[in-house]
């Protein structure tokens, strides 16, 4: 599987992932960055990375 990394602005705390495939994705799930700068969606494996300030 090709790991796609989505860059997120440094000031974003919470992101939502729904698979992004026009209704063929997965249920919307929300993740909070907290003390980490990287989130991996437990449904689709998409990687979200917060830019460093």
PDB file of N, CA and C in Angstrom:
ATOM      1  N   UNK A   1       0.841  -1.198   0.000  1.00  0.00           N
ATOM      2  CA  UNK A   1       0.000   0.000   0.000  1.00  0.00           C
ATOM      3  C   UNK A   1       0.871   1.241   0.000  1.00  0.00           C
ATOM      4  N   UNK A   2       0.481   2.173  -0.809  1.00  0.00           N
ATOM      5  CA  UNK A   2       1.169   3.446  -0.960  1.00  0.00           C
ATOM      6  C   UNK A   2       0.801   4.335   0.217  1.00  0.00           C
ATOM      7  N   UNK A   3       1.760   4.747   1.004  1.00  0.00           N
ATOM      8  CA  UNK A   3       1.408   5.579   2.141  1.00  0.00           C
ATOM      9  C   UNK A   3       1.413   7.043   1.764  1.00  0.00           C
ATOM     10  N   UNK A   4       0.231   7.620   1.765  1.00  0.00           N
ATOM     11  CA  UNK A   4       0.047   9.014   1.417  1.00  0.00           C
ATOM     12  C   UNK A   4       0.152   9.825   2.704  1.00  0.00           C
ATOM     13  N   UNK A   5       1.007  10.844   2.701  1.00  0.00           N
ATOM     14  CA  UNK A   5       1.155  11.705   3.876  1.00  0.00           C
ATOM     15  C   UNK A   5       0.476  13.033   3.585  1.00  0.00           C
ATOM     16  N   UNK A   6      -0.447  13.415   4.462  1.00  0.00           N
ATOM     17  CA  UNK A   6      -1.145  14.685   4.333  1.00  0.00           C
ATOM     18  C   UNK A   6      -0.560  15.648   5.342  1.00  0.00           C
ATOM     19  N   UNK A   7      -0.049  16.767   4.854  1.00  0.00           N
ATOM     20  CA  UNK A   7       0.514  17.789   5.735  1.00  0.00           C
ATOM     21  C   UNK A   7      -0.615  18.644   6.294  1.00  0.00           C
ATOM     22  N   UNK A   8      -0.528  18.935   7.593  1.00  0.00           N
ATOM     23  CA  UNK A   8      -1.540  19.714   8.290  1.00  0.00           C
ATOM     24  C   UNK A   8      -0.843  20.928   8.905  1.00  0.00           C
ATOM     25  N   UNK A   9      -1.460  22.124   8.842  1.00  0.00           N
ATOM     26  CA  UNK A   9      -0.833  23.301   9.457  1.00  0.00           C
ATOM     27  C   UNK A   9      -0.554  23.088  10.947  1.00  0.00           C
ATOM     28  N   UNK A  10       0.488  23.728  11.447  1.00  0.00           N
ATOM     29  CA  UNK A  10       0.933  23.531  12.835  1.00  0.00           C
ATOM     30  C   UNK A  10      -0.114  23.913  13.874  1.00  0.00           C
ATOM     31  N   UNK A  11      -1.029  24.828  13.534  1.00  0.00           N
ATOM     32  CA  UNK A  11      -2.018  25.295  14.521  1.00  0.00           C
ATOM     33  C   UNK A  11      -3.268  24.426  14.577  1.00  0.00           C
ATOM     34  N   UNK A  12      -3.348  23.379  13.771  1.00  0.00           N
ATOM     35  CA  UNK A  12      -4.505  22.475  13.769  1.00  0.00           C
ATOM     36  C   UNK A  12      -4.331  21.433  14.883  1.00  0.00           C
ATOM     37  N   UNK A  13      -5.368  21.274  15.701  1.00  0.00           N
ATOM     38  CA  UNK A  13      -5.314  20.295  16.793  1.00  0.00           C
ATOM     39  C   UNK A  13      -6.059  19.011  16.459  1.00  0.00           C
ATOM     40  N   UNK A  14      -7.176  19.134  15.715  1.00  0.00           N
ATOM     41  CA  UNK A  14      -8.042  17.988  15.436  1.00  0.00           C
ATOM     42  C   UNK A  14      -8.263  17.853  13.939  1.00  0.00           C
ATOM     43  N   UNK A  15      -8.206  16.628  13.445  1.00  0.00           N
ATOM     44  CA  UNK A  15      -8.472  16.365  12.033  1.00  0.00           C
ATOM     45  C   UNK A  15      -9.573  15.303  11.926  1.00  0.00           C
ATOM     46  N   UNK A  16     -10.200  15.261  10.757  1.00  0.00           N
ATOM     47  CA  UNK A  16     -11.238  14.276  10.496  1.00  0.00           C
ATOM     48  C   UNK A  16     -10.829  13.493   9.253  1.00  0.00           C
ATOM     49  N   UNK A  17     -10.943  12.184   9.308  1.00  0.00           N
ATOM     50  CA  UNK A  17     -10.646  11.350   8.148  1.00  0.00           C
ATOM     51  C   UNK A  17     -11.878  10.510   7.826  1.00  0.00           C
ATOM     52  N   UNK A  18     -12.248  10.490   6.541  1.00  0.00           N
ATOM     53  CA  UNK A  18     -13.389   9.667   6.119  1.00  0.00           C
ATOM     54  C   UNK A  18     -13.015   8.760   4.950  1.00  0.00           C
ATOM     55  N   UNK A  19     -11.715   8.620   4.710  1.00  0.00           N
ATOM     56  CA  UNK A  19     -11.269   7.794   3.601  1.00  0.00           C
ATOM     57  C   UNK A  19     -11.151   8.571   2.299  1.00  0.00           C
ATOM     58  N   UNK A  20     -11.903   9.663   2.198  1.00  0.00           N
ATOM     59  CA  UNK A  20     -11.813  10.563   1.063  1.00  0.00           C
ATOM     60  C   UNK A  20     -12.108   9.975  -0.302  1.00  0.00           C
ATOM     61  N   UNK A  21     -12.962   8.966  -0.385  1.00  0.00           N
ATOM     62  CA  UNK A  21     -13.212   8.333  -1.676  1.00  0.00           C
ATOM     63  C   UNK A  21     -14.661   8.482  -2.113  1.00  0.00           C
ATOM     64  N   UNK A  22     -15.184   9.715  -2.081  1.00  0.00           N
ATOM     65  CA  UNK A  22     -16.536  10.014  -2.565  1.00  0.00           C
ATOM     66  C   UNK A  22     -17.608   9.050  -2.051  1.00  0.00           C
ATOM     67  N   UNK A  23     -17.728   8.918  -0.752  1.00  0.00           N
ATOM     68  CA  UNK A  23     -18.751   8.057  -0.185  1.00  0.00           C
ATOM     69  C   UNK A  23     -18.358   6.597  -0.114  1.00  0.00           C
ATOM     70  N   UNK A  24     -17.241   6.232  -0.700  1.00  0.00           N
ATOM     71  CA  UNK A  24     -16.789   4.844  -0.654  1.00  0.00           C
ATOM     72  C   UNK A  24     -15.690   4.658   0.383  1.00  0.00           C
ATOM     73  N   UNK A  25     -15.445   5.697   1.168  1.00  0.00           N
ATOM     74  CA  UNK A  25     -14.394   5.646   2.183  1.00  0.00           C
ATOM     75  C   UNK A  25     -14.834   4.838   3.393  1.00  0.00           C
ATOM     76  N   UNK A  26     -14.742   5.447   4.556  1.00  0.00           N
ATOM     77  CA  UNK A  26     -15.123   4.795   5.806  1.00  0.00           C
ATOM     78  C   UNK A  26     -15.845   5.807   6.679  1.00  0.00           C
ATOM     79  N   UNK A  27     -16.405   5.391   7.812  1.00  0.00           N
ATOM     80  CA  UNK A  27     -17.075   6.364   8.696  1.00  0.00           C
ATOM     81  C   UNK A  27     -16.097   7.466   9.104  1.00  0.00           C
ATOM     82  N   UNK A  28     -16.607   8.674   9.272  1.00  0.00           N
ATOM     83  CA  UNK A  28     -15.763   9.796   9.682  1.00  0.00           C
ATOM     84  C   UNK A  28     -15.232   9.558  11.092  1.00  0.00           C
ATOM     85  N   UNK A  29     -13.939   9.696  11.242  1.00  0.00           N
ATOM     86  CA  UNK A  29     -13.311   9.560  12.560  1.00  0.00           C
ATOM     87  C   UNK A  29     -12.477  10.813  12.814  1.00  0.00           C
ATOM     88  N   UNK A  30     -12.430  11.217  14.067  1.00  0.00           N
ATOM     89  CA  UNK A  30     -11.697  12.425  14.457  1.00  0.00           C
ATOM     90  C   UNK A  30     -10.506  12.040  15.297  1.00  0.00           C
ATOM     91  N   UNK A  31      -9.392  12.725  15.046  1.00  0.00           N
ATOM     92  CA  UNK A  31      -8.162  12.483  15.799  1.00  0.00           C
ATOM     93  C   UNK A  31      -7.633  13.814  16.304  1.00  0.00           C
ATOM     94  N   UNK A  32      -7.049  13.801  17.484  1.00  0.00           N
ATOM     95  CA  UNK A  32      -6.432  14.990  18.059  1.00  0.00           C
ATOM     96  C   UNK A  32      -4.933  14.757  18.147  1.00  0.00           C
ATOM     97  N   UNK A  33      -4.167  15.750  17.705  1.00  0.00           N
ATOM     98  CA  UNK A  33      -2.718  15.604  17.690  1.00  0.00           C
ATOM     99  C   UNK A  33      -2.129  15.511  19.102  1.00  0.00           C
ATOM    100  N   UNK A  34      -2.575  16.360  20.033  1.00  0.00           N
ATOM    101  CA  UNK A  34      -2.034  16.313  21.391  1.00  0.00           C
ATOM    102  C   UNK A  34      -0.530  16.539  21.382  1.00  0.00           C
ATOM    103  N   UNK A  35       0.223  15.605  21.942  1.00  0.00           N
ATOM    104  CA  UNK A  35       1.675  15.776  22.052  1.00  0.00           C
ATOM    105  C   UNK A  35       2.434  15.186  20.872  1.00  0.00           C
ATOM    106  N   UNK A  36       1.717  14.589  19.931  1.00  0.00           N
ATOM    107  CA  UNK A  36       2.379  13.996  18.766  1.00  0.00           C
ATOM    108  C   UNK A  36       2.139  14.842  17.522  1.00  0.00           C
ATOM    109  N   UNK A  37       2.982  14.734  16.545  1.00  0.00           N
ATOM    110  CA  UNK A  37       2.820  15.474  15.297  1.00  0.00           C
ATOM    111  C   UNK A  37       2.473  14.562  14.133  1.00  0.00           C
ATOM    112  N   UNK A  38       2.129  13.307  14.441  1.00  0.00           N
ATOM    113  CA  UNK A  38       1.810  12.346  13.389  1.00  0.00           C
ATOM    114  C   UNK A  38       0.631  11.482  13.842  1.00  0.00           C
ATOM    115  N   UNK A  39      -0.334  11.322  12.943  1.00  0.00           N
ATOM    116  CA  UNK A  39      -1.511  10.486  13.217  1.00  0.00           C
ATOM    117  C   UNK A  39      -1.676   9.527  12.049  1.00  0.00           C
ATOM    118  N   UNK A  40      -1.965   8.263  12.356  1.00  0.00           N
ATOM    119  CA  UNK A  40      -2.252   7.276  11.314  1.00  0.00           C
ATOM    120  C   UNK A  40      -3.700   6.836  11.514  1.00  0.00           C
ATOM    121  N   UNK A  41      -4.511   6.989  10.474  1.00  0.00           N
ATOM    122  CA  UNK A  41      -5.916   6.599  10.563  1.00  0.00           C
ATOM    123  C   UNK A  41      -6.030   5.089  10.753  1.00  0.00           C
ATOM    124  N   UNK A  42      -6.814   4.690  11.743  1.00  0.00           N
ATOM    125  CA  UNK A  42      -6.944   3.258  12.035  1.00  0.00           C
ATOM    126  C   UNK A  42      -7.816   2.532  11.002  1.00  0.00           C
ATOM    127  N   UNK A  43      -8.566   3.272  10.204  1.00  0.00           N
ATOM    128  CA  UNK A  43      -9.376   2.646   9.155  1.00  0.00           C
ATOM    129  C   UNK A  43      -8.596   2.442   7.864  1.00  0.00           C
ATOM    130  N   UNK A  44      -8.026   3.543   7.340  1.00  0.00           N
ATOM    131  CA  UNK A  44      -7.437   3.469   6.000  1.00  0.00           C
ATOM    132  C   UNK A  44      -5.913   3.581   5.989  1.00  0.00           C
ATOM    133  N   UNK A  45      -5.310   3.882   7.132  1.00  0.00           N
ATOM    134  CA  UNK A  45      -3.855   3.954   7.198  1.00  0.00           C
ATOM    135  C   UNK A  45      -3.279   5.259   6.675  1.00  0.00           C
ATOM    136  N   UNK A  46      -4.137   6.213   6.320  1.00  0.00           N
ATOM    137  CA  UNK A  46      -3.663   7.511   5.837  1.00  0.00           C
ATOM    138  C   UNK A  46      -2.888   8.198   6.951  1.00  0.00           C
ATOM    139  N   UNK A  47      -1.784   8.831   6.579  1.00  0.00           N
ATOM    140  CA  UNK A  47      -0.921   9.480   7.568  1.00  0.00           C
ATOM    141  C   UNK A  47      -1.118  10.988   7.518  1.00  0.00           C
ATOM    142  N   UNK A  48      -1.350  11.568   8.680  1.00  0.00           N
ATOM    143  CA  UNK A  48      -1.460  13.019   8.815  1.00  0.00           C
ATOM    144  C   UNK A  48      -0.271  13.486   9.624  1.00  0.00           C
ATOM    145  N   UNK A  49       0.437  14.486   9.107  1.00  0.00           N
ATOM    146  CA  UNK A  49       1.627  14.984   9.779  1.00  0.00           C
ATOM    147  C   UNK A  49       1.480  16.480   9.968  1.00  0.00           C
ATOM    148  N   UNK A  50       1.642  16.930  11.202  1.00  0.00           N
ATOM    149  CA  UNK A  50       1.527  18.355  11.499  1.00  0.00           C
ATOM    150  C   UNK A  50       2.858  19.027  11.242  1.00  0.00           C
ATOM    151  N   UNK A  51       2.810  20.157  10.526  1.00  0.00           N
ATOM    152  CA  UNK A  51       4.032  20.930  10.264  1.00  0.00           C
ATOM    153  C   UNK A  51       4.626  21.400  11.581  1.00  0.00           C
ATOM    154  N   UNK A  52       5.950  21.451  11.647  1.00  0.00           N
ATOM    155  CA  UNK A  52       6.628  21.935  12.839  1.00  0.00           C
ATOM    156  C   UNK A  52       6.627  23.460  12.814  1.00  0.00           C
ATOM    157  N   UNK A  53       6.418  24.054  13.958  1.00  0.00           N
ATOM    158  CA  UNK A  53       6.419  25.527  14.032  1.00  0.00           C
ATOM    159  C   UNK A  53       7.827  26.049  14.048  1.00  0.00           C
TER     160      UNK A  53
END
